[in-house]
PDB file of N, CA and C in Angstrom:
ATOM      1  N   UNK A   1    -126.980  71.970-130.668  1.00  0.00           N
ATOM      2  CA  UNK A   1    -128.188  71.867-129.880  1.00  0.00           C
ATOM      3  C   UNK A   1    -128.226  72.962-128.818  1.00  0.00           C
ATOM      4  N   UNK A   2    -129.377  73.483-128.605  1.00  0.00           N
ATOM      5  CA  UNK A   2    -129.532  74.562-127.634  1.00  0.00           C
ATOM      6  C   UNK A   2    -129.672  73.995-126.232  1.00  0.00           C
ATOM      7  N   UNK A   3    -129.117  74.722-125.284  1.00  0.00           N
ATOM      8  CA  UNK A   3    -129.232  74.311-123.907  1.00  0.00           C
ATOM      9  C   UNK A   3    -130.466  74.964-123.298  1.00  0.00           C
ATOM     10  N   UNK A   4    -130.866  74.517-122.155  1.00  0.00           N
ATOM     11  CA  UNK A   4    -132.000  75.099-121.438  1.00  0.00           C
ATOM     12  C   UNK A   4    -131.741  76.581-121.133  1.00  0.00           C
ATOM     13  N   UNK A   5    -130.528  76.896-120.756  1.00  0.00           N
ATOM     14  CA  UNK A   5    -130.179  78.282-120.456  1.00  0.00           C
ATOM     15  C   UNK A   5    -130.302  79.147-121.704  1.00  0.00           C
ATOM     16  N   UNK A   6    -129.790  78.650-122.851  1.00  0.00           N
ATOM     17  CA  UNK A   6    -129.858  79.397-124.086  1.00  0.00           C
ATOM     18  C   UNK A   6    -131.302  79.655-124.486  1.00  0.00           C
ATOM     19  N   UNK A   7    -132.157  78.645-124.334  1.00  0.00           N
ATOM     20  CA  UNK A   7    -133.563  78.800-124.689  1.00  0.00           C
ATOM     21  C   UNK A   7    -134.242  79.770-123.734  1.00  0.00           C
ATOM     22  N   UNK A   8    -133.965  79.683-122.450  1.00  0.00           N
ATOM     23  CA  UNK A   8    -134.531  80.626-121.495  1.00  0.00           C
ATOM     24  C   UNK A   8    -134.110  82.044-121.802  1.00  0.00           C
ATOM     25  N   UNK A   9    -132.854  82.235-122.141  1.00  0.00           N
ATOM     26  CA  UNK A   9    -132.354  83.584-122.517  1.00  0.00           C
ATOM     27  C   UNK A   9    -133.060  84.109-123.777  1.00  0.00           C
ATOM     28  N   UNK A  10    -133.238  83.228-124.763  1.00  0.00           N
ATOM     29  CA  UNK A  10    -133.890  83.637-126.009  1.00  0.00           C
ATOM     30  C   UNK A  10    -135.352  83.961-125.755  1.00  0.00           C
ATOM     31  N   UNK A  11    -136.008  83.185-124.919  1.00  0.00           N
ATOM     32  CA  UNK A  11    -137.411  83.443-124.570  1.00  0.00           C
ATOM     33  C   UNK A  11    -137.546  84.762-123.836  1.00  0.00           C
ATOM     34  N   UNK A  12    -136.663  85.004-122.902  1.00  0.00           N
ATOM     35  CA  UNK A  12    -136.674  86.272-122.155  1.00  0.00           C
ATOM     36  C   UNK A  12    -136.490  87.451-123.101  1.00  0.00           C
ATOM     37  N   UNK A  13    -135.529  87.346-124.008  1.00  0.00           N
ATOM     38  CA  UNK A  13    -135.260  88.433-124.966  1.00  0.00           C
ATOM     39  C   UNK A  13    -136.479  88.675-125.846  1.00  0.00           C
ATOM     40  N   UNK A  14    -137.098  87.623-126.344  1.00  0.00           N
ATOM     41  CA  UNK A  14    -138.240  87.784-127.221  1.00  0.00           C
ATOM     42  C   UNK A  14    -139.442  88.334-126.437  1.00  0.00           C
ATOM     43  N   UNK A  15    -139.626  87.898-125.212  1.00  0.00           N
ATOM     44  CA  UNK A  15    -140.719  88.383-124.389  1.00  0.00           C
ATOM     45  C   UNK A  15    -140.532  89.877-124.106  1.00  0.00           C
ATOM     46  N   UNK A  16    -139.320  90.292-123.824  1.00  0.00           N
ATOM     47  CA  UNK A  16    -139.052  91.701-123.597  1.00  0.00           C
ATOM     48  C   UNK A  16    -139.270  92.530-124.859  1.00  0.00           C
ATOM     49  N   UNK A  17    -138.893  91.980-125.996  1.00  0.00           N
ATOM     50  CA  UNK A  17    -139.145  92.660-127.265  1.00  0.00           C
ATOM     51  C   UNK A  17    -140.643  92.874-127.453  1.00  0.00           C
ATOM     52  N   UNK A  18    -141.426  91.846-127.213  1.00  0.00           N
ATOM     53  CA  UNK A  18    -142.877  91.970-127.344  1.00  0.00           C
ATOM     54  C   UNK A  18    -143.420  93.011-126.398  1.00  0.00           C
ATOM     55  N   UNK A  19    -143.011  92.941-125.129  1.00  0.00           N
ATOM     56  CA  UNK A  19    -143.525  93.886-124.150  1.00  0.00           C
ATOM     57  C   UNK A  19    -143.105  95.335-124.427  1.00  0.00           C
ATOM     58  N   UNK A  20    -141.883  95.532-124.913  1.00  0.00           N
ATOM     59  CA  UNK A  20    -141.401  96.908-125.146  1.00  0.00           C
ATOM     60  C   UNK A  20    -141.801  97.475-126.488  1.00  0.00           C
ATOM     61  N   UNK A  21    -141.791  96.643-127.548  1.00  0.00           N
ATOM     62  CA  UNK A  21    -142.017  97.169-128.873  1.00  0.00           C
ATOM     63  C   UNK A  21    -143.437  96.916-129.382  1.00  0.00           C
ATOM     64  N   UNK A  22    -144.077  95.892-128.887  1.00  0.00           N
ATOM     65  CA  UNK A  22    -145.435  95.547-129.339  1.00  0.00           C
ATOM     66  C   UNK A  22    -146.285  95.190-128.122  1.00  0.00           C
ATOM     67  N   UNK A  23    -146.510  96.123-127.204  1.00  0.00           N
ATOM     68  CA  UNK A  23    -147.211  95.818-125.965  1.00  0.00           C
ATOM     69  C   UNK A  23    -148.619  95.297-126.189  1.00  0.00           C
ATOM     70  N   UNK A  24    -149.214  95.600-127.329  1.00  0.00           N
ATOM     71  CA  UNK A  24    -150.557  95.115-127.616  1.00  0.00           C
ATOM     72  C   UNK A  24    -150.584  93.578-127.755  1.00  0.00           C
ATOM     73  N   UNK A  25    -149.428  92.969-127.971  1.00  0.00           N
ATOM     74  CA  UNK A  25    -149.370  91.518-128.061  1.00  0.00           C
ATOM     75  C   UNK A  25    -149.201  90.834-126.696  1.00  0.00           C
ATOM     76  N   UNK A  26    -148.919  91.598-125.674  1.00  0.00           N
ATOM     77  CA  UNK A  26    -148.682  91.040-124.338  1.00  0.00           C
ATOM     78  C   UNK A  26    -149.832  90.179-123.848  1.00  0.00           C
ATOM     79  N   UNK A  27    -151.046  90.511-124.242  1.00  0.00           N
ATOM     80  CA  UNK A  27    -152.184  89.744-123.784  1.00  0.00           C
ATOM     81  C   UNK A  27    -152.125  88.293-124.290  1.00  0.00           C
ATOM     82  N   UNK A  28    -151.482  88.081-125.430  1.00  0.00           N
ATOM     83  CA  UNK A  28    -151.368  86.708-125.965  1.00  0.00           C
ATOM     84  C   UNK A  28    -150.353  85.880-125.197  1.00  0.00           C
ATOM     85  N   UNK A  29    -149.389  86.546-124.575  1.00  0.00           N
ATOM     86  CA  UNK A  29    -148.391  85.815-123.769  1.00  0.00           C
ATOM     87  C   UNK A  29    -149.054  85.109-122.608  1.00  0.00           C
ATOM     88  N   UNK A  30    -150.022  85.755-122.001  1.00  0.00           N
ATOM     89  CA  UNK A  30    -150.720  85.201-120.850  1.00  0.00           C
ATOM     90  C   UNK A  30    -151.597  84.039-121.288  1.00  0.00           C
ATOM     91  N   UNK A  31    -152.137  84.078-122.475  1.00  0.00           N
ATOM     92  CA  UNK A  31    -153.079  83.052-122.957  1.00  0.00           C
ATOM     93  C   UNK A  31    -152.415  81.825-123.533  1.00  0.00           C
ATOM     94  N   UNK A  32    -151.103  81.866-123.713  1.00  0.00           N
ATOM     95  CA  UNK A  32    -150.422  80.740-124.367  1.00  0.00           C
ATOM     96  C   UNK A  32    -150.481  79.497-123.485  1.00  0.00           C
ATOM     97  N   UNK A  33    -150.776  78.338-124.072  1.00  0.00           N
ATOM     98  CA  UNK A  33    -150.930  77.104-123.274  1.00  0.00           C
ATOM     99  C   UNK A  33    -149.752  76.759-122.390  1.00  0.00           C
ATOM    100  N   UNK A  34    -148.545  77.053-122.840  1.00  0.00           N
ATOM    101  CA  UNK A  34    -147.379  76.692-122.020  1.00  0.00           C
ATOM    102  C   UNK A  34    -147.305  77.504-120.747  1.00  0.00           C
ATOM    103  N   UNK A  35    -147.957  78.676-120.731  1.00  0.00           N
ATOM    104  CA  UNK A  35    -147.957  79.481-119.515  1.00  0.00           C
ATOM    105  C   UNK A  35    -149.096  79.080-118.570  1.00  0.00           C
ATOM    106  N   UNK A  36    -149.988  78.244-119.028  1.00  0.00           N
ATOM    107  CA  UNK A  36    -151.095  77.757-118.205  1.00  0.00           C
ATOM    108  C   UNK A  36    -151.062  76.234-118.266  1.00  0.00           C
ATOM    109  N   UNK A  37    -150.137  75.606-117.579  1.00  0.00           N
ATOM    110  CA  UNK A  37    -150.038  74.152-117.672  1.00  0.00           C
ATOM    111  C   UNK A  37    -151.248  73.456-117.084  1.00  0.00           C
ATOM    112  N   UNK A  38    -151.584  72.297-117.662  1.00  0.00           N
ATOM    113  CA  UNK A  38    -152.763  71.566-117.202  1.00  0.00           C
ATOM    114  C   UNK A  38    -152.404  70.528-116.147  1.00  0.00           C
ATOM    115  N   UNK A  39    -151.156  70.484-115.746  1.00  0.00           N
ATOM    116  CA  UNK A  39    -150.737  69.530-114.709  1.00  0.00           C
ATOM    117  C   UNK A  39    -150.338  70.317-113.460  1.00  0.00           C
ATOM    118  N   UNK A  40    -150.488  69.669-112.321  1.00  0.00           N
ATOM    119  CA  UNK A  40    -150.129  70.351-111.089  1.00  0.00           C
ATOM    120  C   UNK A  40    -148.617  70.553-110.954  1.00  0.00           C
ATOM    121  N   UNK A  41    -147.838  69.640-111.533  1.00  0.00           N
ATOM    122  CA  UNK A  41    -146.378  69.752-111.522  1.00  0.00           C
ATOM    123  C   UNK A  41    -145.853  69.593-112.956  1.00  0.00           C
ATOM    124  N   UNK A  42    -145.987  70.638-113.751  1.00  0.00           N
ATOM    125  CA  UNK A  42    -145.591  70.486-115.176  1.00  0.00           C
ATOM    126  C   UNK A  42    -144.106  70.241-115.341  1.00  0.00           C
ATOM    127  N   UNK A  43    -143.772  69.473-116.360  1.00  0.00           N
ATOM    128  CA  UNK A  43    -142.378  69.192-116.663  1.00  0.00           C
ATOM    129  C   UNK A  43    -141.915  70.218-117.717  1.00  0.00           C
ATOM    130  N   UNK A  44    -140.920  71.015-117.342  1.00  0.00           N
ATOM    131  CA  UNK A  44    -140.343  71.987-118.273  1.00  0.00           C
ATOM    132  C   UNK A  44    -139.047  71.360-118.762  1.00  0.00           C
ATOM    133  N   UNK A  45    -138.966  71.165-120.065  1.00  0.00           N
ATOM    134  CA  UNK A  45    -137.762  70.552-120.644  1.00  0.00           C
ATOM    135  C   UNK A  45    -137.413  71.261-121.931  1.00  0.00           C
ATOM    136  N   UNK A  46    -136.389  70.800-122.597  1.00  0.00           N
ATOM    137  CA  UNK A  46    -135.914  71.453-123.829  1.00  0.00           C
ATOM    138  C   UNK A  46    -137.024  71.522-124.860  1.00  0.00           C
ATOM    139  N   UNK A  47    -137.788  70.459-125.044  1.00  0.00           N
ATOM    140  CA  UNK A  47    -138.868  70.458-126.035  1.00  0.00           C
ATOM    141  C   UNK A  47    -139.914  71.502-125.698  1.00  0.00           C
ATOM    142  N   UNK A  48    -140.312  71.558-124.429  1.00  0.00           N
ATOM    143  CA  UNK A  48    -141.310  72.539-124.002  1.00  0.00           C
ATOM    144  C   UNK A  48    -140.818  73.942-124.253  1.00  0.00           C
ATOM    145  N   UNK A  49    -139.551  74.201-123.914  1.00  0.00           N
ATOM    146  CA  UNK A  49    -138.998  75.536-124.115  1.00  0.00           C
ATOM    147  C   UNK A  49    -138.909  75.892-125.608  1.00  0.00           C
ATOM    148  N   UNK A  50    -138.489  74.925-126.425  1.00  0.00           N
ATOM    149  CA  UNK A  50    -138.433  75.154-127.887  1.00  0.00           C
ATOM    150  C   UNK A  50    -139.803  75.445-128.458  1.00  0.00           C
ATOM    151  N   UNK A  51    -140.801  74.677-128.020  1.00  0.00           N
ATOM    152  CA  UNK A  51    -142.158  74.930-128.487  1.00  0.00           C
ATOM    153  C   UNK A  51    -142.638  76.332-128.103  1.00  0.00           C
ATOM    154  N   UNK A  52    -142.335  76.722-126.878  1.00  0.00           N
ATOM    155  CA  UNK A  52    -142.757  78.059-126.428  1.00  0.00           C
ATOM    156  C   UNK A  52    -142.034  79.146-127.214  1.00  0.00           C
ATOM    157  N   UNK A  53    -140.733  78.953-127.437  1.00  0.00           N
ATOM    158  CA  UNK A  53    -139.954  79.910-128.211  1.00  0.00           C
ATOM    159  C   UNK A  53    -140.539  80.039-129.632  1.00  0.00           C
ATOM    160  N   UNK A  54    -140.838  78.926-130.243  1.00  0.00           N
ATOM    161  CA  UNK A  54    -141.402  78.920-131.589  1.00  0.00           C
ATOM    162  C   UNK A  54    -142.775  79.607-131.610  1.00  0.00           C
ATOM    163  N   UNK A  55    -143.540  79.426-130.583  1.00  0.00           N
ATOM    164  CA  UNK A  55    -144.848  80.135-130.478  1.00  0.00           C
ATOM    165  C   UNK A  55    -144.670  81.648-130.429  1.00  0.00           C
ATOM    166  N   UNK A  56    -143.722  82.084-129.615  1.00  0.00           N
ATOM    167  CA  UNK A  56    -143.429  83.522-129.530  1.00  0.00           C
ATOM    168  C   UNK A  56    -142.935  84.027-130.883  1.00  0.00           C
ATOM    169  N   UNK A  57    -142.042  83.295-131.499  1.00  0.00           N
ATOM    170  CA  UNK A  57    -141.494  83.677-132.799  1.00  0.00           C
ATOM    171  C   UNK A  57    -142.608  83.778-133.838  1.00  0.00           C
ATOM    172  N   UNK A  58    -143.527  82.847-133.797  1.00  0.00           N
ATOM    173  CA  UNK A  58    -144.631  82.832-134.748  1.00  0.00           C
ATOM    174  C   UNK A  58    -145.512  84.070-134.573  1.00  0.00           C
ATOM    175  N   UNK A  59    -145.786  84.428-133.327  1.00  0.00           N
ATOM    176  CA  UNK A  59    -146.593  85.616-133.080  1.00  0.00           C
ATOM    177  C   UNK A  59    -145.940  86.840-133.693  1.00  0.00           C
ATOM    178  N   UNK A  60    -144.634  86.996-133.438  1.00  0.00           N
ATOM    179  CA  UNK A  60    -143.940  88.139-133.988  1.00  0.00           C
ATOM    180  C   UNK A  60    -143.879  88.130-135.506  1.00  0.00           C
ATOM    181  N   UNK A  61    -143.611  86.985-136.100  1.00  0.00           N
ATOM    182  CA  UNK A  61    -143.510  86.904-137.550  1.00  0.00           C
ATOM    183  C   UNK A  61    -144.844  87.237-138.246  1.00  0.00           C
ATOM    184  N   UNK A  62    -145.932  86.826-137.613  1.00  0.00           N
ATOM    185  CA  UNK A  62    -147.240  87.102-138.205  1.00  0.00           C
ATOM    186  C   UNK A  62    -147.675  88.543-138.001  1.00  0.00           C
ATOM    187  N   UNK A  63    -147.259  89.136-136.910  1.00  0.00           N
ATOM    188  CA  UNK A  63    -147.716  90.463-136.546  1.00  0.00           C
ATOM    189  C   UNK A  63    -146.876  91.594-137.147  1.00  0.00           C
ATOM    190  N   UNK A  64    -145.568  91.474-137.035  1.00  0.00           N
ATOM    191  CA  UNK A  64    -144.706  92.609-137.396  1.00  0.00           C
ATOM    192  C   UNK A  64    -144.742  93.075-138.840  1.00  0.00           C
ATOM    193  N   UNK A  65    -144.927  92.220-139.832  1.00  0.00           N
ATOM    194  CA  UNK A  65    -144.932  92.768-141.195  1.00  0.00           C
ATOM    195  C   UNK A  65    -146.071  93.769-141.442  1.00  0.00           C
ATOM    196  N   UNK A  66    -147.133  93.670-140.694  1.00  0.00           N
ATOM    197  CA  UNK A  66    -148.292  94.551-140.912  1.00  0.00           C
ATOM    198  C   UNK A  66    -148.406  95.692-139.963  1.00  0.00           C
ATOM    199  N   UNK A  67    -147.475  95.786-139.021  1.00  0.00           N
ATOM    200  CA  UNK A  67    -147.556  96.839-137.995  1.00  0.00           C
ATOM    201  C   UNK A  67    -146.181  97.466-137.773  1.00  0.00           C
ATOM    202  N   UNK A  68    -146.214  98.761-137.614  1.00  0.00           N
ATOM    203  CA  UNK A  68    -144.944  99.467-137.333  1.00  0.00           C
ATOM    204  C   UNK A  68    -144.830  99.666-135.831  1.00  0.00           C
ATOM    205  N   UNK A  69    -143.610  99.876-135.411  1.00  0.00           N
ATOM    206  CA  UNK A  69    -143.331 100.102-134.005  1.00  0.00           C
ATOM    207  C   UNK A  69    -143.893 101.417-133.545  1.00  0.00           C
TER     208      UNK A  69
END
């Protein structure tokens, strides 16, 4: 099982990859629901982090096969 730190590290690494290698995708990072919580005090937990990581992974998997660096 992944820890919160491991997930945060993976999210950071993937976010940096998007920003450095595919900057045109950066606009989608801002629009993702997890970055705009609908609660005044959102709960960030393992499930939330996994969902966010999977969202980032999905963006890259869908985009990269059709675009070169």
